[in-house]
Amino acid sequence: MALLVLKFGGTSVADVDRIRNAAFHVKREVEAGHACAVVVSAMAGHTNQLVALVDQAWGFKERRKQNDAEASAQYDGREYDAVVSSGEQVTSGLLALVLQSLGMRARSWQGWQIPLQTDGAHRAARITGVAVNELKARMLEGEVAVVAGFQGVAPGNRISTLGRGGSDTSAVALAAALQADRCDIYTDVDGVYTTDPRVVPKAHRLAKISYEEMLEMASQGAKVLQTRSVELAMQKGVRVLVRSSFAAPGLAGKGDAANGLGTLVCHEDEIVEQNVVSGIAYARDEAKVTLLKVADKPGVAAQVFCPLAEANINVDMIVQNVSDDGRHTDLTFTVQSADLDRALEVLRKAKDSIGYLDLRGSTDIAKVSAIGVGMRSHAGVAAQMFSALAEKGINIEAISTSEIKISVLIDAAYAELAVRTLHSLFGLDSR
C-alpha cells in the first residue's frame, strides 16, 4: 500500500461535474490499494467572489480613495480569512459526498479539525505544524480524507489562510507530515513543459525535473506550481507529480510516474541524464523602474531599497551604471507590475533623501530565463544565449543569474521571439 496525497485545483473542481471527475481519479487510486488524502481548492472563481464580498462589506474602495494606508491598516485579516476560507469548505464537503455516492468511505476535514497550525499572519500565514495521527489512522483503515486546502488555525483558535495558491502548500505540508510516498498535484495541464506550448508548439513535457529547476521555473514565470509549495517539497523531500485532472480517470495506476504520465519533481540524483538547459520561462508581469543621476556614494542603495522593503515591494533584477564623472549613477530595477504605482510613489516621497534627478517607470518589458542544473558543469551558456539574442536584434536591458539560471530583461515586443530562439538554441525543440 502506498500513501498518497492528491491535490485538485480550482479548475479541476469548478463545478459538480468536475468534482465527480476528480472523484473518479481518487477512486482509481483507492482501487489500486492506496491510502489517500485529497486536498481541494475552492471552485474556480469562488475565492474572487468571496474577496469581492469582503471588500463590499468593508467599503474598501471608498476608504482607499480617502486614505489607502489607513484602510489597509484597519482591515481585519481574521475576518477576511473566516470568509474566504469557506470556499474550500464547500468543495471538500461536496467531494466527500460524491466519493460516498461512489461507494467509498470518505469524510471532509477543515484545517482546524486536523489541525493544521499556522502563525498569526492572517491572509498569508505560514504553517507551523500538522497533527496527522487521527487522520492517518483513518486513512490506513480505508477512509479517504478530503482536506480543505489554503487554510489552517492560527493562535487564538482563529481560522487562517495561506495566501493565494496556498492549497499547493497545504498538500505538500500534509504529504510531509504523513510521510506520504508522493504528492500528486492535479491541474489543467499534463505536466511541466520545456516552455509554454502556446508560444513554442515544439515544447514538450518533461518526465522529471529537479526541485531546484522547478523552483526557478515557478519563480521566473511558469505557473504550474506555487513557489512556496516547491520550496517546502525540496526542504522536506516530498516527491511531487504534476498531472492533468482532465485525462481519463481510468488511465494508469500506481505506476503513473514510471509510465510517463505527468512530470515528477524530485531530487536531482533521481534524474539519470540532465540537459544543460531544461526549460525556458518568461514573465510579462514585471515593471522597470529607473532612477537617473543618483549620487554615487555609500548608503545610497539602502536609501532606495529600504523604503521599498518597508512597503512590502519585492525587487528583482538590479542594474547600476556609473557615469563618466564617477559622481553619479543610473539605477534600474524591476518590481511586479502590480506594484509599480506604489513603488513610484514610495520613491517620490523619498526623493530628498535619495537625491535623484529623474524617476521613470514602464511596463513594456518581459523577463526571459534559461534554467537548468546542467549549467553548473557547462561553461559558455551565457555567451551562447547573449549571442543568439543579439543575432535576432534583441537588446538586453538587465541580466541576473544564479547557479542554474540566467535571466534577461528585454522589450516586451520581443518576448515570444526570445523564447523561441532560446528553446531552439539549447536543443529543446527535439523530443
Protein backbone atom coordinates (compact mmCIF):
# COMPACT_ATOMS: atom_id res chain seq x y z
CA MET A 1 0.00 0.00 0.00
CA ALA A 2 1.26 3.43 -0.97
CA LEU A 3 0.18 6.52 0.94
CA LEU A 4 -0.74 9.30 -1.48
CA VAL A 5 -1.84 12.92 -1.21
CA LEU A 6 -3.87 14.11 -4.20
CA LYS A 7 -4.50 17.82 -4.70
CA PHE A 8 -7.13 19.28 -7.07
CA GLY A 9 -7.01 22.96 -8.03
CA GLY A 10 -9.90 25.31 -8.71
CA THR A 11 -10.32 24.48 -12.39
CA SER A 12 -10.35 20.77 -11.52
CA VAL A 13 -13.29 21.24 -9.13
CA ALA A 14 -15.01 24.15 -10.90
CA ASP A 15 -18.46 22.53 -10.78
CA VAL A 16 -20.12 19.31 -9.62
CA ASP A 17 -19.31 17.51 -12.88
CA ARG A 18 -15.61 18.27 -12.47
CA ILE A 19 -15.77 17.31 -8.80
CA ARG A 20 -17.23 13.98 -9.92
CA ASN A 21 -14.35 13.62 -12.42
CA ALA A 22 -11.88 14.26 -9.60
CA ALA A 23 -13.65 11.61 -7.53
CA PHE A 24 -13.01 9.03 -10.27
CA HIS A 25 -9.27 9.82 -10.10
CA VAL A 26 -9.42 9.20 -6.35
CA LYS A 27 -11.42 6.02 -6.89
CA ARG A 28 -8.74 4.69 -9.25
CA GLU A 29 -6.04 5.11 -6.60
CA VAL A 30 -8.20 3.60 -3.86
CA GLU A 31 -8.98 0.57 -6.02
CA ALA A 32 -5.24 0.18 -6.65
CA GLY A 33 -4.90 -0.35 -2.89
CA HIS A 34 -3.57 3.06 -1.88
CA ALA A 35 -4.43 5.10 1.20
CA CYS A 36 -5.45 8.55 0.04
CA ALA A 37 -5.80 12.07 1.35
CA VAL A 38 -7.27 14.62 -1.05
CA VAL A 39 -6.62 18.37 -0.75
CA VAL A 40 -9.00 20.66 -2.62
CA SER A 41 -9.11 24.31 -3.61
CA ALA A 42 -12.25 26.41 -3.83
CA MET A 43 -14.28 26.07 -7.01
CA ALA A 44 -12.82 28.27 -9.77
CA GLY A 45 -13.77 31.91 -9.28
CA HIS A 46 -15.34 31.33 -5.86
CA THR A 47 -12.49 32.89 -3.86
CA ASN A 48 -12.61 36.03 -6.02
CA GLN A 49 -16.33 36.32 -5.31
CA LEU A 50 -15.73 36.00 -1.58
CA VAL A 51 -12.96 38.61 -1.65
CA ALA A 52 -15.30 40.98 -3.51
CA LEU A 53 -17.92 40.47 -0.80
CA VAL A 54 -15.38 41.30 1.89
CA ASP A 55 -14.36 44.47 0.04
CA GLN A 56 -18.00 45.42 -0.34
CA ALA A 57 -18.73 44.85 3.35
CA TRP A 58 -15.73 46.92 4.38
CA GLY A 59 -16.39 49.64 1.81
CA PHE A 60 -12.76 49.23 0.85
CA LYS A 61 -12.86 51.15 -2.43
CA GLU A 62 -14.37 54.21 -0.82
CA ARG A 63 -11.96 54.11 2.13
CA ARG A 64 -8.99 53.58 -0.20
CA LYS A 65 -9.83 56.79 -2.05
CA GLN A 66 -9.63 58.63 1.25
CA ASN A 67 -6.52 57.02 2.71
CA ASP A 68 -5.05 53.82 1.31
CA ALA A 69 -2.67 53.23 4.24
CA GLU A 70 -5.38 53.80 6.82
CA ALA A 71 -7.81 51.50 5.02
CA SER A 72 -5.26 48.71 4.85
CA ALA A 73 -4.26 49.12 8.49
CA GLN A 74 -7.85 48.84 9.69
CA TYR A 75 -8.65 45.82 7.56
CA ASP A 76 -9.30 42.85 9.90
CA GLY A 77 -7.43 39.91 8.40
CA ARG A 78 -9.01 37.44 10.83
CA GLU A 79 -12.50 38.11 9.49
CA TYR A 80 -11.20 38.14 5.93
CA ASP A 81 -9.82 34.63 6.49
CA ALA A 82 -13.08 33.46 8.06
CA VAL A 83 -14.93 34.46 4.89
CA VAL A 84 -12.58 33.43 2.08
CA SER A 85 -11.71 30.04 3.63
CA SER A 86 -15.34 28.97 3.23
CA GLY A 87 -14.79 28.22 -0.46
CA GLU A 88 -12.60 25.21 0.32
CA GLN A 89 -15.06 24.05 2.97
CA VAL A 90 -17.78 23.82 0.32
CA THR A 91 -15.57 21.90 -2.11
CA SER A 92 -14.34 19.41 0.49
CA GLY A 93 -17.88 18.60 1.59
CA LEU A 94 -19.09 18.16 -1.99
CA LEU A 95 -16.20 15.86 -2.93
CA ALA A 96 -16.74 13.75 0.20
CA LEU A 97 -20.40 13.36 -0.76
CA VAL A 98 -19.53 12.34 -4.32
CA LEU A 99 -16.99 9.79 -3.06
CA GLN A 100 -19.61 8.33 -0.72
CA SER A 101 -22.06 8.10 -3.61
CA LEU A 102 -19.44 6.00 -5.45
CA GLY A 103 -19.30 3.56 -2.56
CA MET A 104 -16.18 4.80 -0.81
CA ARG A 105 -15.70 5.74 2.82
CA ALA A 106 -14.84 9.44 2.95
CA ARG A 107 -15.13 12.46 5.20
CA SER A 108 -14.17 16.12 4.94
CA TRP A 109 -11.60 17.79 7.17
CA GLN A 110 -11.20 21.54 7.66
CA GLY A 111 -7.83 22.98 8.59
CA TRP A 112 -8.82 23.48 12.23
CA GLN A 113 -10.06 19.89 12.55
CA ILE A 114 -6.74 18.25 11.69
CA PRO A 115 -5.36 20.68 12.99
CA LEU A 116 -3.03 22.35 10.51
CA GLN A 117 -1.42 25.01 12.68
CA THR A 118 -0.10 28.34 11.39
CA ASP A 119 1.37 31.54 12.71
CA GLY A 120 -0.79 34.62 13.19
CA ALA A 121 -0.03 36.32 9.85
CA HIS A 122 -3.60 36.30 8.58
CA ARG A 123 -4.09 36.32 4.79
CA ALA A 124 -0.52 35.00 4.31
CA ALA A 125 0.04 32.58 7.20
CA ARG A 126 2.97 30.17 7.43
CA ILE A 127 2.46 26.57 8.50
CA THR A 128 4.00 25.72 11.88
CA GLY A 129 2.78 22.15 12.35
CA VAL A 130 0.39 19.46 11.11
CA ALA A 131 -1.07 16.90 13.55
CA VAL A 132 -1.99 13.87 11.44
CA ASN A 133 -2.30 10.96 13.90
CA GLU A 134 -6.09 10.57 13.73
CA LEU A 135 -6.30 11.43 10.04
CA LYS A 136 -3.57 8.92 9.13
CA ALA A 137 -5.15 6.15 11.23
CA ARG A 138 -8.45 6.60 9.40
CA MET A 139 -6.69 6.61 6.02
CA LEU A 140 -4.93 3.33 6.77
CA GLU A 141 -8.33 1.86 7.65
CA GLY A 142 -9.56 2.72 4.14
CA GLU A 143 -11.24 6.09 4.67
CA VAL A 144 -10.46 8.87 2.18
CA ALA A 145 -9.61 12.13 3.93
CA VAL A 146 -10.86 15.14 1.95
CA VAL A 147 -8.98 18.16 3.28
CA ALA A 148 -9.82 21.82 2.67
CA GLY A 149 -6.66 23.44 1.32
CA PHE A 150 -5.44 27.01 1.76
CA GLN A 151 -6.40 27.17 5.43
CA GLY A 152 -5.30 26.36 8.96
CA VAL A 153 -5.78 27.54 12.52
CA ALA A 154 -3.82 30.45 13.99
CA PRO A 155 -3.05 31.25 17.64
CA GLY A 156 -6.24 32.28 19.41
CA ASN A 157 -8.12 29.46 17.63
CA ARG A 158 -8.84 31.67 14.61
CA ILE A 159 -9.10 30.42 11.03
CA SER A 160 -6.11 31.48 8.92
CA THR A 161 -5.36 31.34 5.20
CA LEU A 162 -2.03 30.74 3.47
CA GLY A 163 -2.30 33.29 0.65
CA ARG A 164 -3.25 32.77 -2.98
CA GLY A 165 -2.15 29.38 -4.30
CA GLY A 166 -1.88 28.11 -0.74
CA SER A 167 -3.63 24.81 -1.47
CA ASP A 168 -0.46 23.53 -3.15
CA THR A 169 1.42 24.34 0.04
CA SER A 170 -1.28 22.65 2.13
CA ALA A 171 -0.93 19.48 0.06
CA VAL A 172 2.87 19.33 0.29
CA ALA A 173 2.82 20.07 4.04
CA LEU A 174 0.26 17.31 4.58
CA ALA A 175 2.29 14.88 2.47
CA ALA A 176 5.39 15.67 4.52
CA ALA A 177 3.56 15.18 7.83
CA LEU A 178 2.03 11.90 6.63
CA GLN A 179 5.39 10.74 5.20
CA ALA A 180 3.47 10.07 2.00
CA ASP A 181 5.05 8.22 -0.90
CA ARG A 182 4.05 11.01 -3.27
CA CYS A 183 2.01 14.18 -3.61
CA ASP A 184 0.04 14.34 -6.87
CA ILE A 185 -0.90 17.86 -7.97
CA TYR A 186 -3.80 17.68 -10.44
CA THR A 187 -4.17 20.74 -12.62
CA ASP A 188 -5.34 21.77 -16.10
CA VAL A 189 -2.05 20.78 -17.78
CA ASP A 190 -0.49 17.33 -18.02
CA GLY A 191 2.89 18.24 -16.60
CA VAL A 192 5.77 20.71 -16.72
CA TYR A 193 6.83 21.68 -20.24
CA THR A 194 10.15 22.97 -21.55
CA THR A 195 8.31 26.25 -22.18
CA ASP A 196 4.79 27.50 -22.89
CA PRO A 197 3.42 25.30 -25.73
CA ARG A 198 1.23 28.21 -26.83
CA VAL A 199 4.42 30.12 -27.70
CA VAL A 200 6.55 27.19 -28.90
CA PRO A 201 4.49 24.33 -30.40
CA LYS A 202 7.58 22.09 -30.22
CA ALA A 203 7.74 22.39 -26.45
CA HIS A 204 7.49 19.01 -24.77
CA ARG A 205 6.62 17.66 -21.35
CA LEU A 206 9.49 16.81 -19.02
CA ALA A 207 9.30 13.35 -17.44
CA LYS A 208 11.28 14.58 -14.42
CA ILE A 209 12.54 17.90 -13.14
CA SER A 210 14.66 18.68 -10.09
CA TYR A 211 13.34 20.70 -7.16
CA GLU A 212 15.81 23.50 -7.90
CA GLU A 213 14.81 23.73 -11.55
CA MET A 214 11.11 23.69 -10.68
CA LEU A 215 11.67 26.39 -8.08
CA GLU A 216 13.39 28.60 -10.64
CA MET A 217 10.71 27.85 -13.26
CA ALA A 218 7.95 28.77 -10.80
CA SER A 219 9.63 31.97 -9.66
CA GLN A 220 10.50 33.06 -13.19
CA GLY A 221 7.00 32.87 -14.65
CA ALA A 222 5.90 29.24 -15.01
CA LYS A 223 2.51 28.98 -13.26
CA VAL A 224 2.24 25.20 -12.85
CA LEU A 225 3.21 25.09 -9.17
CA GLN A 226 3.21 27.72 -6.45
CA THR A 227 6.73 28.73 -5.40
CA ARG A 228 6.16 28.15 -1.66
CA SER A 229 4.99 24.60 -2.30
CA VAL A 230 8.14 23.77 -4.28
CA GLU A 231 10.36 25.25 -1.55
CA LEU A 232 8.59 23.11 1.05
CA ALA A 233 8.77 19.98 -1.12
CA MET A 234 12.52 20.46 -1.58
CA GLN A 235 13.04 21.08 2.13
CA LYS A 236 11.02 18.02 3.19
CA GLY A 237 11.97 15.74 0.29
CA VAL A 238 8.37 15.28 -0.90
CA ARG A 239 8.17 13.79 -4.39
CA VAL A 240 5.56 15.75 -6.38
CA LEU A 241 3.83 14.51 -9.52
CA VAL A 242 2.23 17.21 -11.67
CA ARG A 243 -0.56 15.75 -13.82
CA SER A 244 -3.81 16.63 -15.55
CA SER A 245 -7.19 16.16 -13.92
CA PHE A 246 -8.76 16.19 -17.39
CA ALA A 247 -7.08 12.98 -18.57
CA ALA A 248 -9.36 9.94 -18.50
CA PRO A 249 -9.51 8.83 -14.84
CA GLY A 250 -9.12 5.18 -15.77
CA LEU A 251 -5.65 5.67 -17.28
CA ALA A 252 -2.73 4.02 -15.47
CA GLY A 253 -2.49 3.27 -11.80
CA LYS A 254 0.28 3.02 -9.26
CA GLY A 255 2.99 3.22 -11.91
CA ASP A 256 1.99 6.72 -13.02
CA ALA A 257 5.43 8.31 -12.83
CA ALA A 258 7.15 5.33 -14.43
CA ASN A 259 4.56 5.19 -17.21
CA GLY A 260 5.32 8.74 -18.23
CA LEU A 261 2.11 10.41 -17.06
CA GLY A 262 2.79 13.87 -15.73
CA THR A 263 6.08 15.36 -14.52
CA LEU A 264 7.82 14.13 -11.38
CA VAL A 265 9.50 16.84 -9.28
CA CYS A 266 12.27 15.12 -7.32
CA HIS A 267 15.87 15.21 -6.14
CA GLU A 268 18.45 15.80 -8.84
CA ASP A 269 20.06 12.41 -8.25
CA GLU A 270 16.86 10.65 -9.38
CA ILE A 271 17.35 12.07 -12.88
CA VAL A 272 19.72 9.88 -14.90
CA GLU A 273 20.56 12.33 -17.70
CA GLN A 274 20.33 16.10 -17.43
CA ASN A 275 20.23 18.60 -20.29
CA VAL A 276 22.33 21.71 -19.89
CA VAL A 277 19.12 23.74 -20.05
CA SER A 278 15.84 22.10 -19.03
CA GLY A 279 13.40 24.91 -19.76
CA ILE A 280 12.77 28.48 -20.86
CA ALA A 281 10.47 30.57 -18.67
CA TYR A 282 9.14 34.04 -19.30
CA ALA A 283 7.12 36.61 -17.40
CA ARG A 284 5.26 39.67 -18.64
CA ASP A 285 4.11 40.85 -15.23
CA GLU A 286 7.28 42.80 -14.41
CA ALA A 287 7.82 46.57 -14.49
CA LYS A 288 11.02 48.58 -14.78
CA VAL A 289 11.93 51.48 -12.51
CA THR A 290 14.85 53.79 -13.33
CA LEU A 291 16.41 56.46 -11.12
CA LEU A 292 18.56 58.91 -13.10
CA LYS A 293 21.57 60.78 -11.75
CA VAL A 294 21.72 59.30 -8.27
CA ALA A 295 24.74 60.33 -6.20
CA ASP A 296 27.34 57.54 -6.26
CA LYS A 297 28.11 57.37 -2.55
CA PRO A 298 27.96 54.79 0.26
CA GLY A 299 24.45 54.15 1.58
CA VAL A 300 22.51 55.42 -1.42
CA ALA A 301 21.32 51.91 -2.38
CA ALA A 302 19.93 51.45 1.13
CA GLN A 303 18.10 54.76 0.84
CA VAL A 304 16.44 53.45 -2.34
CA PHE A 305 15.60 49.89 -1.34
CA CYS A 306 14.81 50.18 2.38
CA PRO A 307 11.63 52.24 1.81
CA LEU A 308 10.53 49.73 -0.82
CA ALA A 309 11.10 46.85 1.58
CA GLU A 310 9.11 48.64 4.28
CA ALA A 311 6.24 48.92 1.78
CA ASN A 312 6.49 45.14 1.12
CA ILE A 313 7.52 45.68 -2.51
CA ASN A 314 9.77 42.91 -3.80
CA VAL A 315 12.66 43.97 -6.05
CA ASP A 316 14.04 41.52 -8.59
CA MET A 317 16.72 42.49 -11.14
CA ILE A 318 19.05 45.40 -10.34
CA VAL A 319 21.43 47.20 -12.72
CA GLN A 320 23.67 50.15 -11.84
CA ASN A 321 25.58 52.26 -14.38
CA VAL A 322 28.18 54.72 -13.12
CA SER A 323 28.63 57.94 -15.14
CA ASP A 324 31.94 59.08 -16.63
CA ASP A 325 32.47 61.65 -13.90
CA GLY A 326 32.29 58.92 -11.26
CA ARG A 327 29.98 61.01 -9.10
CA HIS A 328 26.57 59.85 -10.32
CA THR A 329 24.89 56.61 -11.26
CA ASP A 330 21.72 55.47 -13.00
CA LEU A 331 19.91 52.74 -11.06
CA THR A 332 17.43 50.39 -12.76
CA PHE A 333 15.48 47.56 -11.10
CA THR A 334 12.31 45.56 -11.62
CA VAL A 335 9.21 45.02 -9.49
CA GLN A 336 5.92 43.24 -10.11
CA SER A 337 3.81 45.34 -12.50
CA ALA A 338 1.02 45.41 -9.91
CA ASP A 339 3.43 47.17 -7.53
CA LEU A 340 4.72 49.79 -10.00
CA ASP A 341 2.49 52.68 -8.95
CA ARG A 342 3.18 52.07 -5.26
CA ALA A 343 6.91 51.79 -5.91
CA LEU A 344 6.97 55.10 -7.79
CA GLU A 345 5.01 56.80 -5.02
CA VAL A 346 7.38 55.47 -2.34
CA LEU A 347 10.40 56.73 -4.28
CA ARG A 348 8.84 60.14 -4.91
CA LYS A 349 8.33 60.56 -1.17
CA ALA A 350 11.96 59.59 -0.58
CA LYS A 351 13.39 61.88 -3.29
CA ASP A 352 15.03 64.32 -0.87
CA SER A 353 16.92 61.60 0.99
CA ILE A 354 17.92 59.73 -2.21
CA GLY A 355 18.74 62.79 -4.29
CA TYR A 356 17.96 61.57 -7.83
CA LEU A 357 17.37 63.84 -10.84
CA ASP A 358 14.51 61.95 -12.51
CA LEU A 359 12.29 58.89 -11.91
CA ARG A 360 10.83 56.71 -14.66
CA GLY A 361 8.66 53.59 -14.75
CA SER A 362 7.46 51.33 -17.57
CA THR A 363 5.65 48.04 -18.04
CA ASP A 364 6.60 47.30 -21.65
CA ILE A 365 9.23 44.76 -20.63
CA ALA A 366 9.48 41.00 -20.26
CA LYS A 367 11.83 38.70 -18.37
CA VAL A 368 13.08 35.59 -20.17
CA SER A 369 15.04 32.92 -18.29
CA ALA A 370 17.05 29.84 -19.25
CA ILE A 371 17.03 27.26 -16.44
CA GLY A 372 18.94 24.02 -15.95
CA VAL A 373 21.10 22.27 -13.37
CA GLY A 374 23.48 21.34 -16.22
CA MET A 375 24.75 24.92 -16.16
CA ARG A 376 26.80 24.02 -13.09
CA SER A 377 29.14 21.89 -15.16
CA HIS A 378 28.97 23.59 -18.58
CA ALA A 379 30.75 26.83 -19.45
CA GLY A 380 29.64 29.27 -22.12
CA VAL A 381 25.88 29.08 -21.66
CA ALA A 382 25.57 32.83 -21.08
CA ALA A 383 27.72 33.62 -24.11
CA GLN A 384 25.58 31.40 -26.35
CA MET A 385 22.40 32.95 -25.01
CA PHE A 386 23.52 36.55 -25.46
CA SER A 387 24.89 35.89 -28.95
CA ALA A 388 21.66 34.23 -30.10
CA LEU A 389 19.55 37.13 -28.84
CA ALA A 390 21.88 39.65 -30.48
CA GLU A 391 21.55 37.88 -33.83
CA LYS A 392 17.78 38.40 -33.59
CA GLY A 393 18.25 42.09 -32.82
CA ILE A 394 17.01 41.72 -29.22
CA ASN A 395 18.56 44.22 -26.83
CA ILE A 396 19.22 43.14 -23.24
CA GLU A 397 18.37 45.78 -20.64
CA ALA A 398 19.33 43.86 -17.50
CA ILE A 399 20.80 40.49 -16.51
CA SER A 400 20.55 38.39 -13.36
CA THR A 401 21.97 34.94 -12.72
CA SER A 402 22.05 32.11 -10.23
CA GLU A 403 23.96 28.84 -10.31
CA ILE A 404 21.29 27.25 -12.55
CA LYS A 405 19.55 30.26 -14.14
CA ILE A 406 20.23 33.17 -16.47
CA SER A 407 17.52 35.83 -16.77
CA VAL A 408 17.43 38.78 -19.15
CA LEU A 409 15.15 41.79 -19.28
CA ILE A 410 14.04 42.73 -22.80
CA ASP A 411 11.41 44.75 -24.65
CA ALA A 412 8.05 43.00 -24.27
CA ALA A 413 7.52 43.02 -28.03
CA TYR A 414 10.39 40.53 -28.42
CA ALA A 415 9.37 38.13 -25.64
CA GLU A 416 7.99 35.32 -27.80
CA LEU A 417 10.81 35.61 -30.33
CA ALA A 418 13.33 35.34 -27.50
CA VAL A 419 11.61 32.29 -26.03
CA ARG A 420 11.51 30.51 -29.42
CA THR A 421 15.15 31.43 -30.13
CA LEU A 422 16.45 30.10 -26.81
CA HIS A 423 14.26 26.99 -26.93
CA SER A 424 15.88 26.05 -30.25
CA LEU A 425 19.36 27.15 -29.21
CA PHE A 426 19.50 24.74 -26.28
CA GLY A 427 18.10 21.76 -28.19
CA LEU A 428 14.68 21.71 -26.53
CA ASP A 429 12.76 21.53 -29.83
CA SER A 430 13.73 17.88 -30.24
CA ARG A 431 11.99 15.34 -28.04
